[in-house]
């Protein structure tokens, strides 16, 4: 049974930082693209960042590029999202995703965690 468990969300002031983590189990972690999506109230879930199987390739949404770093530890089956210079518009539930390819991830296929709330106050 595949499980993705996010942690690290919380309330932070604008300009602050948060580090989200996702612990994966039940899958061959190093064979999956790992990524993060977010969903704000009343909006559709959107892509945030992705990292390739080896960690050598990363992709970011324009809205977070330059402020966010995605990383993974294949030995620990974890993926992290370091978010800096947070803005109120970053407020959302953040979801971890595991997909077999970037194309699958963009199509929002694969496995999902239950999400962690990030709230940025102004």
N, C-alpha and C. Protein backbone atom coordinates (compact mmCIF):
# COMPACT_ATOMS: atom_id res chain seq x y z
N UNK A 1 0.85 -1.19 0.00
CA UNK A 1 0.00 0.00 0.00
C UNK A 1 0.88 1.25 0.00
N UNK A 2 0.66 2.09 -0.99
CA UNK A 2 1.44 3.31 -1.10
C UNK A 2 0.91 4.36 -0.13
N UNK A 3 1.84 4.97 0.58
CA UNK A 3 1.47 6.08 1.47
C UNK A 3 2.42 7.24 1.26
N UNK A 4 1.85 8.42 1.15
CA UNK A 4 2.60 9.66 1.11
C UNK A 4 2.09 10.52 2.25
N UNK A 5 2.98 10.91 3.15
CA UNK A 5 2.57 11.66 4.33
C UNK A 5 3.34 12.97 4.38
N UNK A 6 2.59 14.06 4.24
CA UNK A 6 3.19 15.38 4.27
C UNK A 6 3.28 15.91 5.70
N UNK A 7 4.24 16.78 5.92
CA UNK A 7 4.38 17.46 7.20
C UNK A 7 5.07 18.79 6.97
N UNK A 8 5.02 19.64 7.99
CA UNK A 8 5.75 20.89 7.93
C UNK A 8 4.93 22.12 7.64
N UNK A 9 3.65 21.95 7.37
CA UNK A 9 2.81 23.11 7.12
C UNK A 9 2.58 23.90 8.39
N UNK A 10 1.96 25.07 8.23
CA UNK A 10 1.67 25.89 9.38
C UNK A 10 1.34 27.30 9.00
N UNK A 11 1.34 28.16 10.01
CA UNK A 11 1.05 29.58 9.82
C UNK A 11 2.36 30.36 9.87
N UNK A 12 2.56 31.20 8.89
CA UNK A 12 3.79 31.99 8.83
C UNK A 12 3.46 33.38 8.30
N UNK A 13 4.23 34.36 8.71
CA UNK A 13 4.02 35.71 8.20
C UNK A 13 4.61 35.87 6.81
N UNK A 14 4.07 36.79 6.08
CA UNK A 14 4.61 37.08 4.75
C UNK A 14 6.10 37.41 4.86
N UNK A 15 6.86 36.85 3.92
CA UNK A 15 8.30 37.01 3.94
C UNK A 15 9.03 35.90 4.66
N UNK A 16 8.28 35.08 5.36
CA UNK A 16 8.88 33.98 6.10
C UNK A 16 9.14 32.76 5.24
N UNK A 17 9.56 31.69 5.91
CA UNK A 17 9.93 30.45 5.23
C UNK A 17 9.27 29.25 5.89
N UNK A 18 9.07 28.23 5.09
CA UNK A 18 8.60 26.94 5.59
C UNK A 18 9.28 25.85 4.79
N UNK A 19 9.44 24.73 5.44
CA UNK A 19 9.97 23.55 4.75
C UNK A 19 8.97 22.42 4.91
N UNK A 20 8.44 21.98 3.79
CA UNK A 20 7.51 20.86 3.78
C UNK A 20 8.27 19.58 3.49
N UNK A 21 7.82 18.50 4.08
CA UNK A 21 8.41 17.20 3.83
C UNK A 21 7.33 16.19 3.49
N UNK A 22 7.71 15.20 2.72
CA UNK A 22 6.80 14.12 2.35
C UNK A 22 7.56 12.81 2.51
N UNK A 23 7.02 11.94 3.33
CA UNK A 23 7.61 10.63 3.54
C UNK A 23 6.81 9.60 2.76
N UNK A 24 7.50 8.84 1.94
CA UNK A 24 6.84 7.86 1.07
C UNK A 24 7.15 6.45 1.53
N UNK A 25 6.16 5.58 1.36
CA UNK A 25 6.35 4.16 1.66
C UNK A 25 5.48 3.35 0.73
N UNK A 26 5.86 2.08 0.55
CA UNK A 26 5.06 1.19 -0.28
C UNK A 26 5.29 1.31 -1.77
N UNK A 27 6.33 2.03 -2.17
CA UNK A 27 6.64 2.16 -3.59
C UNK A 27 8.15 2.22 -3.78
N UNK A 28 8.59 1.91 -5.00
CA UNK A 28 10.02 1.99 -5.34
C UNK A 28 10.35 3.46 -5.54
N UNK A 29 10.65 4.13 -4.47
CA UNK A 29 10.73 5.60 -4.44
C UNK A 29 11.63 6.17 -5.53
N UNK A 30 12.79 5.57 -5.71
CA UNK A 30 13.76 6.12 -6.67
C UNK A 30 13.30 5.99 -8.11
N UNK A 31 12.22 5.29 -8.34
CA UNK A 31 11.69 5.13 -9.69
C UNK A 31 10.54 6.08 -9.98
N UNK A 32 10.26 6.97 -9.07
CA UNK A 32 9.15 7.90 -9.23
C UNK A 32 9.63 9.34 -9.28
N UNK A 33 9.05 10.09 -10.21
CA UNK A 33 9.12 11.53 -10.13
C UNK A 33 8.34 11.92 -8.87
N UNK A 34 8.84 12.86 -8.14
CA UNK A 34 8.14 13.36 -6.97
C UNK A 34 7.83 14.84 -7.17
N UNK A 35 6.70 15.24 -6.66
CA UNK A 35 6.33 16.63 -6.87
C UNK A 35 5.39 17.15 -5.80
N UNK A 36 5.14 18.44 -5.93
CA UNK A 36 4.23 19.13 -5.03
C UNK A 36 3.19 19.91 -5.84
N UNK A 37 1.98 19.85 -5.36
CA UNK A 37 0.88 20.64 -5.89
C UNK A 37 0.26 21.41 -4.74
N UNK A 38 -0.56 22.36 -5.07
CA UNK A 38 -1.28 23.09 -4.03
C UNK A 38 -2.68 23.44 -4.50
N UNK A 39 -3.56 23.60 -3.53
CA UNK A 39 -4.93 23.98 -3.84
C UNK A 39 -5.39 25.01 -2.84
N UNK A 40 -5.68 26.18 -3.36
CA UNK A 40 -6.20 27.27 -2.53
C UNK A 40 -7.72 27.19 -2.49
N UNK A 41 -8.34 27.76 -1.49
CA UNK A 41 -9.80 27.71 -1.40
C UNK A 41 -10.46 28.27 -2.66
N UNK A 42 -11.38 27.50 -3.20
CA UNK A 42 -12.13 27.94 -4.38
C UNK A 42 -11.36 27.85 -5.68
N UNK A 43 -10.16 27.29 -5.63
CA UNK A 43 -9.36 27.18 -6.85
C UNK A 43 -9.02 25.73 -7.14
N UNK A 44 -8.61 25.49 -8.37
CA UNK A 44 -8.21 24.15 -8.75
C UNK A 44 -6.80 23.85 -8.23
N UNK A 45 -6.53 22.58 -8.07
CA UNK A 45 -5.19 22.17 -7.66
C UNK A 45 -4.20 22.51 -8.77
N UNK A 46 -3.04 23.05 -8.39
CA UNK A 46 -2.07 23.47 -9.38
C UNK A 46 -0.68 22.93 -9.04
N UNK A 47 0.09 22.78 -10.09
CA UNK A 47 1.46 22.28 -9.96
C UNK A 47 2.34 23.32 -9.29
N UNK A 48 3.24 22.85 -8.42
CA UNK A 48 4.19 23.74 -7.76
C UNK A 48 5.63 23.41 -8.17
N UNK A 49 6.01 22.16 -7.99
CA UNK A 49 7.40 21.78 -8.26
C UNK A 49 7.49 20.28 -8.44
N UNK A 50 8.52 19.84 -9.17
CA UNK A 50 8.76 18.43 -9.38
C UNK A 50 10.26 18.17 -9.42
N UNK A 51 10.62 16.93 -9.10
CA UNK A 51 12.02 16.54 -9.12
C UNK A 51 12.11 15.15 -9.71
N UNK A 52 13.11 14.94 -10.56
CA UNK A 52 13.25 13.69 -11.28
C UNK A 52 13.72 12.56 -10.36
N UNK A 53 13.76 11.37 -10.93
CA UNK A 53 14.10 10.19 -10.14
C UNK A 53 15.43 10.34 -9.41
N UNK A 54 16.42 10.88 -10.12
CA UNK A 54 17.76 11.00 -9.54
C UNK A 54 17.92 12.29 -8.75
N UNK A 55 17.02 13.23 -8.97
CA UNK A 55 17.14 14.54 -8.33
C UNK A 55 17.91 15.54 -9.16
N UNK A 56 18.37 15.14 -10.32
CA UNK A 56 19.19 16.06 -11.12
C UNK A 56 18.37 17.09 -11.87
N UNK A 57 17.09 16.79 -12.09
CA UNK A 57 16.24 17.72 -12.83
C UNK A 57 15.09 18.18 -11.96
N UNK A 58 14.87 19.48 -11.95
CA UNK A 58 13.76 20.04 -11.20
C UNK A 58 12.93 20.96 -12.10
N UNK A 59 11.68 21.09 -11.78
CA UNK A 59 10.76 21.95 -12.52
C UNK A 59 9.94 22.74 -11.50
N UNK A 60 9.67 23.99 -11.85
CA UNK A 60 8.92 24.85 -10.94
C UNK A 60 7.85 25.62 -11.69
N UNK A 61 6.77 25.89 -10.98
CA UNK A 61 5.78 26.82 -11.51
C UNK A 61 6.37 28.23 -11.49
N UNK A 62 5.96 29.03 -12.44
CA UNK A 62 6.47 30.40 -12.51
C UNK A 62 6.21 31.16 -11.21
N UNK A 63 5.09 30.85 -10.57
CA UNK A 63 4.69 31.59 -9.38
C UNK A 63 5.60 31.36 -8.18
N UNK A 64 6.38 30.29 -8.20
CA UNK A 64 7.25 29.98 -7.05
C UNK A 64 8.73 29.95 -7.42
N UNK A 65 9.03 29.99 -8.70
CA UNK A 65 10.43 29.87 -9.14
C UNK A 65 11.26 30.99 -8.52
N UNK A 66 12.42 30.63 -8.02
CA UNK A 66 13.31 31.60 -7.40
C UNK A 66 13.10 31.72 -5.90
N UNK A 67 11.97 31.25 -5.42
CA UNK A 67 11.67 31.31 -3.99
C UNK A 67 11.58 29.92 -3.36
N UNK A 68 11.60 28.91 -4.21
CA UNK A 68 11.28 27.56 -3.76
C UNK A 68 12.32 26.58 -4.28
N UNK A 69 12.65 25.59 -3.45
CA UNK A 69 13.59 24.54 -3.84
C UNK A 69 13.01 23.19 -3.47
N UNK A 70 12.94 22.31 -4.45
CA UNK A 70 12.50 20.95 -4.20
C UNK A 70 13.73 20.05 -4.16
N UNK A 71 13.74 19.09 -3.24
CA UNK A 71 14.87 18.18 -3.11
C UNK A 71 14.34 16.82 -2.67
N UNK A 72 15.17 15.80 -2.82
CA UNK A 72 14.77 14.47 -2.43
C UNK A 72 15.95 13.73 -1.83
N UNK A 73 15.62 12.74 -1.01
CA UNK A 73 16.62 11.85 -0.42
C UNK A 73 16.14 10.42 -0.70
N UNK A 74 16.73 9.81 -1.69
CA UNK A 74 16.27 8.47 -2.08
C UNK A 74 16.62 7.41 -1.04
N UNK A 75 17.57 7.69 -0.19
CA UNK A 75 17.92 6.75 0.87
C UNK A 75 16.87 6.77 1.98
N UNK A 76 16.21 7.90 2.14
CA UNK A 76 15.21 8.04 3.20
C UNK A 76 13.78 8.07 2.66
N UNK A 77 13.64 7.97 1.35
CA UNK A 77 12.31 8.00 0.73
C UNK A 77 11.54 9.27 1.10
N UNK A 78 12.21 10.38 1.03
CA UNK A 78 11.57 11.65 1.35
C UNK A 78 11.81 12.68 0.25
N UNK A 79 10.86 13.58 0.14
CA UNK A 79 10.98 14.73 -0.75
C UNK A 79 10.60 15.96 0.06
N UNK A 80 11.30 17.04 -0.19
CA UNK A 80 11.08 18.27 0.58
C UNK A 80 10.84 19.44 -0.33
N UNK A 81 10.18 20.44 0.23
CA UNK A 81 9.92 21.67 -0.50
C UNK A 81 10.27 22.82 0.44
N UNK A 82 11.35 23.52 0.13
CA UNK A 82 11.76 24.67 0.90
C UNK A 82 11.17 25.91 0.25
N UNK A 83 10.35 26.61 1.01
CA UNK A 83 9.67 27.80 0.47
C UNK A 83 10.12 29.02 1.25
N UNK A 84 10.64 30.00 0.53
CA UNK A 84 11.13 31.24 1.12
C UNK A 84 10.33 32.42 0.58
N UNK A 85 10.49 33.54 1.24
CA UNK A 85 9.81 34.77 0.82
C UNK A 85 8.33 34.51 0.54
N UNK A 86 7.70 33.85 1.48
CA UNK A 86 6.30 33.45 1.29
C UNK A 86 5.38 34.66 1.19
N UNK A 87 4.35 34.49 0.37
CA UNK A 87 3.37 35.53 0.11
C UNK A 87 1.99 35.02 0.53
N UNK A 88 1.08 35.93 0.84
CA UNK A 88 -0.28 35.48 1.19
C UNK A 88 -0.91 34.60 0.10
N UNK A 89 -0.56 34.86 -1.15
CA UNK A 89 -1.12 34.05 -2.23
C UNK A 89 -0.54 32.64 -2.28
N UNK A 90 0.43 32.35 -1.46
CA UNK A 90 0.93 30.98 -1.34
C UNK A 90 0.07 30.15 -0.40
N UNK A 91 -0.88 30.77 0.25
CA UNK A 91 -1.77 30.06 1.16
C UNK A 91 -2.57 28.99 0.41
N UNK A 92 -2.46 27.76 0.86
CA UNK A 92 -3.11 26.64 0.19
C UNK A 92 -2.84 25.36 0.98
N UNK A 93 -3.53 24.32 0.58
CA UNK A 93 -3.16 22.98 1.03
C UNK A 93 -2.15 22.43 0.03
N UNK A 94 -1.04 21.97 0.54
CA UNK A 94 0.04 21.47 -0.31
C UNK A 94 0.03 19.94 -0.29
N UNK A 95 0.06 19.37 -1.48
CA UNK A 95 -0.01 17.93 -1.65
C UNK A 95 1.28 17.38 -2.26
N UNK A 96 1.68 16.24 -1.77
CA UNK A 96 2.80 15.51 -2.33
C UNK A 96 2.27 14.54 -3.39
N UNK A 97 3.02 14.39 -4.47
CA UNK A 97 2.60 13.50 -5.55
C UNK A 97 3.76 12.63 -6.00
N UNK A 98 3.46 11.39 -6.31
CA UNK A 98 4.44 10.47 -6.88
C UNK A 98 3.90 9.97 -8.21
N UNK A 99 4.67 10.17 -9.26
CA UNK A 99 4.24 9.76 -10.59
C UNK A 99 5.39 9.11 -11.32
N UNK A 100 5.06 8.31 -12.32
CA UNK A 100 6.10 7.56 -13.02
C UNK A 100 6.88 8.41 -14.00
N UNK A 101 6.35 9.57 -14.35
CA UNK A 101 7.03 10.47 -15.25
C UNK A 101 6.54 11.89 -15.02
N UNK A 102 7.26 12.85 -15.59
CA UNK A 102 6.82 14.24 -15.46
C UNK A 102 5.49 14.44 -16.18
N UNK A 103 5.35 13.75 -17.31
CA UNK A 103 4.10 13.87 -18.05
C UNK A 103 2.92 13.37 -17.23
N UNK A 104 3.11 12.27 -16.54
CA UNK A 104 2.05 11.74 -15.68
C UNK A 104 1.75 12.71 -14.54
N UNK A 105 2.80 13.32 -14.00
CA UNK A 105 2.61 14.26 -12.91
C UNK A 105 1.82 15.48 -13.38
N UNK A 106 2.17 15.99 -14.54
CA UNK A 106 1.46 17.15 -15.07
C UNK A 106 -0.02 16.82 -15.28
N UNK A 107 -0.28 15.56 -15.63
CA UNK A 107 -1.66 15.10 -15.81
C UNK A 107 -2.32 14.79 -14.47
N UNK A 108 -1.60 15.01 -13.39
CA UNK A 108 -2.07 14.77 -12.03
C UNK A 108 -2.46 13.32 -11.81
N UNK A 109 -1.69 12.42 -12.41
CA UNK A 109 -1.85 10.99 -12.16
C UNK A 109 -0.96 10.59 -10.99
N UNK A 110 -0.97 9.32 -10.67
CA UNK A 110 -0.07 8.83 -9.63
C UNK A 110 -0.69 8.81 -8.25
N UNK A 111 0.18 8.82 -7.27
CA UNK A 111 -0.24 8.72 -5.87
C UNK A 111 -0.19 10.09 -5.20
N UNK A 112 -1.09 10.24 -4.20
CA UNK A 112 -1.23 11.53 -3.52
C UNK A 112 -1.20 11.37 -2.01
N UNK A 113 -0.65 12.36 -1.36
CA UNK A 113 -0.79 12.46 0.07
C UNK A 113 -2.07 13.19 0.41
N UNK A 114 -2.32 13.34 1.70
CA UNK A 114 -3.56 13.97 2.15
C UNK A 114 -3.42 15.48 2.28
N UNK A 115 -2.23 15.99 2.20
CA UNK A 115 -2.03 17.43 2.19
C UNK A 115 -1.67 18.01 3.53
N UNK A 116 -1.03 19.17 3.47
CA UNK A 116 -0.68 19.92 4.66
C UNK A 116 -0.99 21.39 4.40
N UNK A 117 -1.61 22.03 5.38
CA UNK A 117 -2.05 23.40 5.21
C UNK A 117 -0.90 24.38 5.42
N UNK A 118 -0.77 25.30 4.48
CA UNK A 118 0.16 26.42 4.61
C UNK A 118 -0.66 27.70 4.57
N UNK A 119 -0.51 28.51 5.60
CA UNK A 119 -1.22 29.78 5.67
C UNK A 119 -0.21 30.89 5.86
N UNK A 120 -0.24 31.87 4.96
CA UNK A 120 0.68 32.99 5.02
C UNK A 120 -0.12 34.25 5.33
N UNK A 121 0.18 34.86 6.45
CA UNK A 121 -0.55 36.05 6.85
C UNK A 121 0.18 37.30 6.36
N UNK A 122 -0.61 38.32 6.07
CA UNK A 122 -0.02 39.56 5.54
C UNK A 122 0.34 40.53 6.65
